[in-house]
C-alpha atoms as a PDB file:
ATOM      1  CA  UNK A   1       0.000   0.000   0.000  1.00  0.00           C
ATOM      2  CA  UNK A   2       1.170   3.502  -0.729  1.00  0.00           C
ATOM      3  CA  UNK A   3       2.235   5.618   2.226  1.00  0.00           C
ATOM      4  CA  UNK A   4      -0.224   8.347   1.218  1.00  0.00           C
ATOM      5  CA  UNK A   5      -3.097   6.015   2.122  1.00  0.00           C
ATOM      6  CA  UNK A   6      -1.891   5.922   5.724  1.00  0.00           C
ATOM      7  CA  UNK A   7      -3.306   8.717   7.830  1.00  0.00           C
ATOM      8  CA  UNK A   8      -3.742   9.449  11.505  1.00  0.00           C
ATOM      9  CA  UNK A   9      -6.892   7.909  12.923  1.00  0.00           C
ATOM     10  CA  UNK A  10      -8.302   8.694  16.350  1.00  0.00           C
ATOM     11  CA  UNK A  11     -10.378   6.201  18.292  1.00  0.00           C
ATOM     12  CA  UNK A  12     -12.087   6.776  21.637  1.00  0.00           C
ATOM     13  CA  UNK A  13     -12.412   3.619  23.718  1.00  0.00           C
ATOM     14  CA  UNK A  14     -14.613   3.375  26.802  1.00  0.00           C
ATOM     15  CA  UNK A  15     -13.356   0.659  29.145  1.00  0.00           C
ATOM     16  CA  UNK A  16     -14.005  -0.714  32.607  1.00  0.00           C
ATOM     17  CA  UNK A  17     -11.423   0.682  35.023  1.00  0.00           C
ATOM     18  CA  UNK A  18      -9.726  -2.629  35.826  1.00  0.00           C
ATOM     19  CA  UNK A  19      -6.026  -3.364  36.271  1.00  0.00           C
ATOM     20  CA  UNK A  20      -4.281  -4.259  33.021  1.00  0.00           C
ATOM     21  CA  UNK A  21      -6.908  -2.857  30.628  1.00  0.00           C
ATOM     22  CA  UNK A  22      -4.586  -0.233  29.166  1.00  0.00           C
ATOM     23  CA  UNK A  23      -1.955  -2.898  28.611  1.00  0.00           C
ATOM     24  CA  UNK A  24      -4.463  -5.177  26.858  1.00  0.00           C
ATOM     25  CA  UNK A  25      -5.630  -2.396  24.544  1.00  0.00           C
ATOM     26  CA  UNK A  26      -2.135  -1.208  23.627  1.00  0.00           C
ATOM     27  CA  UNK A  27      -0.940  -4.792  23.143  1.00  0.00           C
ATOM     28  CA  UNK A  28      -3.803  -5.515  20.765  1.00  0.00           C
ATOM     29  CA  UNK A  29      -2.995  -2.445  18.675  1.00  0.00           C
ATOM     30  CA  UNK A  30       0.761  -3.063  18.561  1.00  0.00           C
ATOM     31  CA  UNK A  31       0.321  -6.802  17.829  1.00  0.00           C
ATOM     32  CA  UNK A  32      -1.527  -5.729  14.680  1.00  0.00           C
ATOM     33  CA  UNK A  33       1.629  -3.869  13.594  1.00  0.00           C
ATOM     34  CA  UNK A  34       0.505  -0.346  14.419  1.00  0.00           C
ATOM     35  CA  UNK A  35       2.523   2.245  16.249  1.00  0.00           C
ATOM     36  CA  UNK A  36       0.525   4.272  18.749  1.00  0.00           C
ATOM     37  CA  UNK A  37       1.275   7.908  17.919  1.00  0.00           C
ATOM     38  CA  UNK A  38      -0.605   9.205  20.934  1.00  0.00           C
ATOM     39  CA  UNK A  39      -2.643   7.936  23.832  1.00  0.00           C
ATOM     40  CA  UNK A  40      -4.392   9.667  26.682  1.00  0.00           C
ATOM     41  CA  UNK A  41      -6.518   8.152  29.399  1.00  0.00           C
ATOM     42  CA  UNK A  42      -8.744   9.490  32.107  1.00  0.00           C
ATOM     43  CA  UNK A  43     -11.758   8.740  34.244  1.00  0.00           C
ATOM     44  CA  UNK A  44     -15.300   9.400  33.091  1.00  0.00           C
ATOM     45  CA  UNK A  45     -18.314  10.505  35.121  1.00  0.00           C
ATOM     46  CA  UNK A  46     -18.852   6.852  35.979  1.00  0.00           C
ATOM     47  CA  UNK A  47     -16.314   5.830  38.631  1.00  0.00           C
ATOM     48  CA  UNK A  48     -15.794   2.363  37.171  1.00  0.00           C
ATOM     49  CA  UNK A  49     -15.131   3.593  33.600  1.00  0.00           C
ATOM     50  CA  UNK A  50     -12.105   5.070  31.831  1.00  0.00           C
ATOM     51  CA  UNK A  51     -11.879   6.730  28.428  1.00  0.00           C
ATOM     52  CA  UNK A  52      -8.868   6.142  26.215  1.00  0.00           C
ATOM     53  CA  UNK A  53      -8.129   8.329  23.210  1.00  0.00           C
ATOM     54  CA  UNK A  54      -5.743   6.560  20.838  1.00  0.00           C
ATOM     55  CA  UNK A  55      -4.046   7.942  17.718  1.00  0.00           C
ATOM     56  CA  UNK A  56      -2.693   5.410  15.206  1.00  0.00           C
ATOM     57  CA  UNK A  57      -1.548   5.690  11.602  1.00  0.00           C
ATOM     58  CA  UNK A  58      -3.104   3.345   9.077  1.00  0.00           C
ATOM     59  CA  UNK A  59      -5.520   2.952   6.213  1.00  0.00           C
ATOM     60  CA  UNK A  60      -9.294   2.963   6.684  1.00  0.00           C
ATOM     61  CA  UNK A  61      -9.686  -0.806   6.360  1.00  0.00           C
ATOM     62  CA  UNK A  62      -7.032  -1.663   8.956  1.00  0.00           C
ATOM     63  CA  UNK A  63      -8.428   0.869  11.417  1.00  0.00           C
ATOM     64  CA  UNK A  64     -11.884  -0.711  11.062  1.00  0.00           C
ATOM     65  CA  UNK A  65     -10.272  -4.071  11.863  1.00  0.00           C
ATOM     66  CA  UNK A  66      -8.648  -2.673  15.016  1.00  0.00           C
ATOM     67  CA  UNK A  67     -12.005  -1.303  16.135  1.00  0.00           C
ATOM     68  CA  UNK A  68     -13.636  -4.728  15.684  1.00  0.00           C
ATOM     69  CA  UNK A  69     -10.771  -6.447  17.518  1.00  0.00           C
ATOM     70  CA  UNK A  70     -11.029  -4.037  20.469  1.00  0.00           C
ATOM     71  CA  UNK A  71     -14.534  -5.335  21.195  1.00  0.00           C
ATOM     72  CA  UNK A  72     -13.007  -8.766  21.845  1.00  0.00           C
ATOM     73  CA  UNK A  73     -11.410  -7.395  25.012  1.00  0.00           C
ATOM     74  CA  UNK A  74     -13.892  -8.086  27.810  1.00  0.00           C
ATOM     75  CA  UNK A  75     -13.360  -4.708  29.518  1.00  0.00           C
ATOM     76  CA  UNK A  76     -14.048  -2.682  26.351  1.00  0.00           C
ATOM     77  CA  UNK A  77     -17.549  -1.212  26.483  1.00  0.00           C
ATOM     78  CA  UNK A  78     -17.614   1.080  23.449  1.00  0.00           C
ATOM     79  CA  UNK A  79     -15.331   2.044  20.554  1.00  0.00           C
ATOM     80  CA  UNK A  80     -16.007   5.330  18.770  1.00  0.00           C
ATOM     81  CA  UNK A  81     -14.048   6.484  15.735  1.00  0.00           C
ATOM     82  CA  UNK A  82     -13.352  10.204  15.894  1.00  0.00           C
ATOM     83  CA  UNK A  83     -14.096  11.875  12.571  1.00  0.00           C
ATOM     84  CA  UNK A  84     -11.530  14.620  11.878  1.00  0.00           C
ATOM     85  CA  UNK A  85     -14.063  16.841  10.089  1.00  0.00           C
ATOM     86  CA  UNK A  86     -16.463  16.618  13.045  1.00  0.00           C
ATOM     87  CA  UNK A  87     -14.113  16.553  16.017  1.00  0.00           C
ATOM     88  CA  UNK A  88     -13.280  18.829  18.865  1.00  0.00           C
ATOM     89  CA  UNK A  89      -9.764  18.002  19.996  1.00  0.00           C
ATOM     90  CA  UNK A  90      -7.404  19.532  22.512  1.00  0.00           C
ATOM     91  CA  UNK A  91      -3.985  18.884  23.920  1.00  0.00           C
ATOM     92  CA  UNK A  92      -2.216  20.369  26.936  1.00  0.00           C
ATOM     93  CA  UNK A  93       1.464  21.178  26.948  1.00  0.00           C
ATOM     94  CA  UNK A  94       3.739  22.348  29.765  1.00  0.00           C
ATOM     95  CA  UNK A  95       7.020  24.005  28.769  1.00  0.00           C
ATOM     96  CA  UNK A  96       9.867  24.810  31.163  1.00  0.00           C
ATOM     97  CA  UNK A  97      11.915  27.699  29.774  1.00  0.00           C
ATOM     98  CA  UNK A  98      15.145  29.087  31.167  1.00  0.00           C
ATOM     99  CA  UNK A  99      14.988  32.876  30.927  1.00  0.00           C
ATOM    100  CA  UNK A 100      15.906  36.080  32.704  1.00  0.00           C
ATOM    101  CA  UNK A 101      15.273  39.825  32.314  1.00  0.00           C
ATOM    102  CA  UNK A 102      14.539  40.938  28.754  1.00  0.00           C
ATOM    103  CA  UNK A 103      14.175  37.369  27.568  1.00  0.00           C
ATOM    104  CA  UNK A 104      11.263  36.831  30.007  1.00  0.00           C
ATOM    105  CA  UNK A 105       9.565  39.913  28.573  1.00  0.00           C
ATOM    106  CA  UNK A 106       9.850  38.557  25.008  1.00  0.00           C
ATOM    107  CA  UNK A 107       8.521  35.153  26.109  1.00  0.00           C
ATOM    108  CA  UNK A 108       5.592  36.814  27.906  1.00  0.00           C
ATOM    109  CA  UNK A 109       4.632  38.546  24.648  1.00  0.00           C
ATOM    110  CA  UNK A 110       4.560  35.208  22.824  1.00  0.00           C
ATOM    111  CA  UNK A 111       2.509  33.717  25.670  1.00  0.00           C
ATOM    112  CA  UNK A 112      -0.003  36.554  25.381  1.00  0.00           C
ATOM    113  CA  UNK A 113      -0.470  36.117  21.616  1.00  0.00           C
ATOM    114  CA  UNK A 114      -1.155  32.382  22.041  1.00  0.00           C
ATOM    115  CA  UNK A 115      -3.375  32.882  25.116  1.00  0.00           C
ATOM    116  CA  UNK A 116      -1.123  30.560  27.104  1.00  0.00           C
ATOM    117  CA  UNK A 117      -0.613  30.819  30.872  1.00  0.00           C
ATOM    118  CA  UNK A 118       2.390  31.121  33.133  1.00  0.00           C
ATOM    119  CA  UNK A 119       1.866  28.484  35.819  1.00  0.00           C
ATOM    120  CA  UNK A 120       5.189  28.813  37.658  1.00  0.00           C
ATOM    121  CA  UNK A 121       7.914  31.447  37.858  1.00  0.00           C
ATOM    122  CA  UNK A 122      11.361  31.130  39.367  1.00  0.00           C
ATOM    123  CA  UNK A 123      14.530  33.198  39.321  1.00  0.00           C
ATOM    124  CA  UNK A 124      15.899  31.073  36.455  1.00  0.00           C
ATOM    125  CA  UNK A 125      12.807  30.864  34.269  1.00  0.00           C
ATOM    126  CA  UNK A 126       9.168  29.918  34.025  1.00  0.00           C
ATOM    127  CA  UNK A 127       6.762  27.132  33.223  1.00  0.00           C
ATOM    128  CA  UNK A 128       4.092  27.815  30.634  1.00  0.00           C
ATOM    129  CA  UNK A 129       0.843  25.948  29.967  1.00  0.00           C
ATOM    130  CA  UNK A 130      -0.866  26.022  26.586  1.00  0.00           C
ATOM    131  CA  UNK A 131      -4.052  24.265  25.517  1.00  0.00           C
ATOM    132  CA  UNK A 132      -5.255  23.841  21.960  1.00  0.00           C
ATOM    133  CA  UNK A 133      -5.034  21.697  18.887  1.00  0.00           C
ATOM    134  CA  UNK A 134      -1.721  20.101  17.980  1.00  0.00           C
ATOM    135  CA  UNK A 135      -0.964  22.670  15.263  1.00  0.00           C
ATOM    136  CA  UNK A 136      -1.323  25.546  17.724  1.00  0.00           C
ATOM    137  CA  UNK A 137       1.022  23.859  20.195  1.00  0.00           C
ATOM    138  CA  UNK A 138       3.548  23.049  17.463  1.00  0.00           C
ATOM    139  CA  UNK A 139       3.506  26.706  16.323  1.00  0.00           C
ATOM    140  CA  UNK A 140       3.941  27.928  19.900  1.00  0.00           C
ATOM    141  CA  UNK A 141       6.908  25.618  20.462  1.00  0.00           C
ATOM    142  CA  UNK A 142       8.471  26.751  17.171  1.00  0.00           C
ATOM    143  CA  UNK A 143       8.349  30.388  18.310  1.00  0.00           C
ATOM    144  CA  UNK A 144       9.920  29.436  21.646  1.00  0.00           C
ATOM    145  CA  UNK A 145      12.693  27.430  19.960  1.00  0.00           C
ATOM    146  CA  UNK A 146      15.235  30.316  19.989  1.00  0.00           C
ATOM    147  CA  UNK A 147      14.881  30.379  23.783  1.00  0.00           C
ATOM    148  CA  UNK A 148      16.330  27.825  26.145  1.00  0.00           C
ATOM    149  CA  UNK A 149      13.587  25.187  26.483  1.00  0.00           C
ATOM    150  CA  UNK A 150      14.529  22.855  29.337  1.00  0.00           C
ATOM    151  CA  UNK A 151      11.609  20.415  29.222  1.00  0.00           C
ATOM    152  CA  UNK A 152       8.327  19.774  27.412  1.00  0.00           C
ATOM    153  CA  UNK A 153       5.422  17.592  28.580  1.00  0.00           C
ATOM    154  CA  UNK A 154       2.492  17.006  26.196  1.00  0.00           C
ATOM    155  CA  UNK A 155      -0.665  15.090  27.031  1.00  0.00           C
ATOM    156  CA  UNK A 156      -1.549  13.862  23.584  1.00  0.00           C
ATOM    157  CA  UNK A 157      -4.905  14.641  22.065  1.00  0.00           C
ATOM    158  CA  UNK A 158      -8.218  14.274  23.839  1.00  0.00           C
ATOM    159  CA  UNK A 159     -11.051  14.374  21.311  1.00  0.00           C
ATOM    160  CA  UNK A 160     -14.724  13.745  20.720  1.00  0.00           C
ATOM    161  CA  UNK A 161     -17.123  14.119  17.836  1.00  0.00           C
ATOM    162  CA  UNK A 162     -19.200  17.293  17.703  1.00  0.00           C
ATOM    163  CA  UNK A 163     -22.918  17.306  18.336  1.00  0.00           C
ATOM    164  CA  UNK A 164     -24.963  16.622  15.221  1.00  0.00           C
ATOM    165  CA  UNK A 165     -26.148  19.910  13.816  1.00  0.00           C
ATOM    166  CA  UNK A 166     -29.303  19.423  11.757  1.00  0.00           C
ATOM    167  CA  UNK A 167     -29.543  23.184  11.193  1.00  0.00           C
ATOM    168  CA  UNK A 168     -26.131  23.536   9.541  1.00  0.00           C
END
């Protein structure tokens, strides 16, 4: 298959919050020869349920197969493909930047433009939080590149399909 047929696919998986479930899901995906490009997990409103958001690269047919295989895991309750054209997706990124004096002022201007937040300040630098889609975060990091970035922590995407809009 041509590489241009392989695209990023996002799948939301609702699972019972039992030990080893994340391992079972990731093992199933990797056993099928897919690399997980991103994964995020968190509790839902139901205490015994967790939601996984998984990003994998593949063609449409192979992604459908993964979705069918996921239902074979006992703890999987629901698998929902996220449709790029209908999704709301966000990622959080924390960036630790070494800076002093005038450099802090320049960084604060960039932070303001991107509507990011300073979440910690020290004598040697600051920690910035930014939330948005992956492109926004990539652009923000590119502008900060000339500065001394010490560390970056990204959550990976959390996404869901938009409400159906019969009026649009």
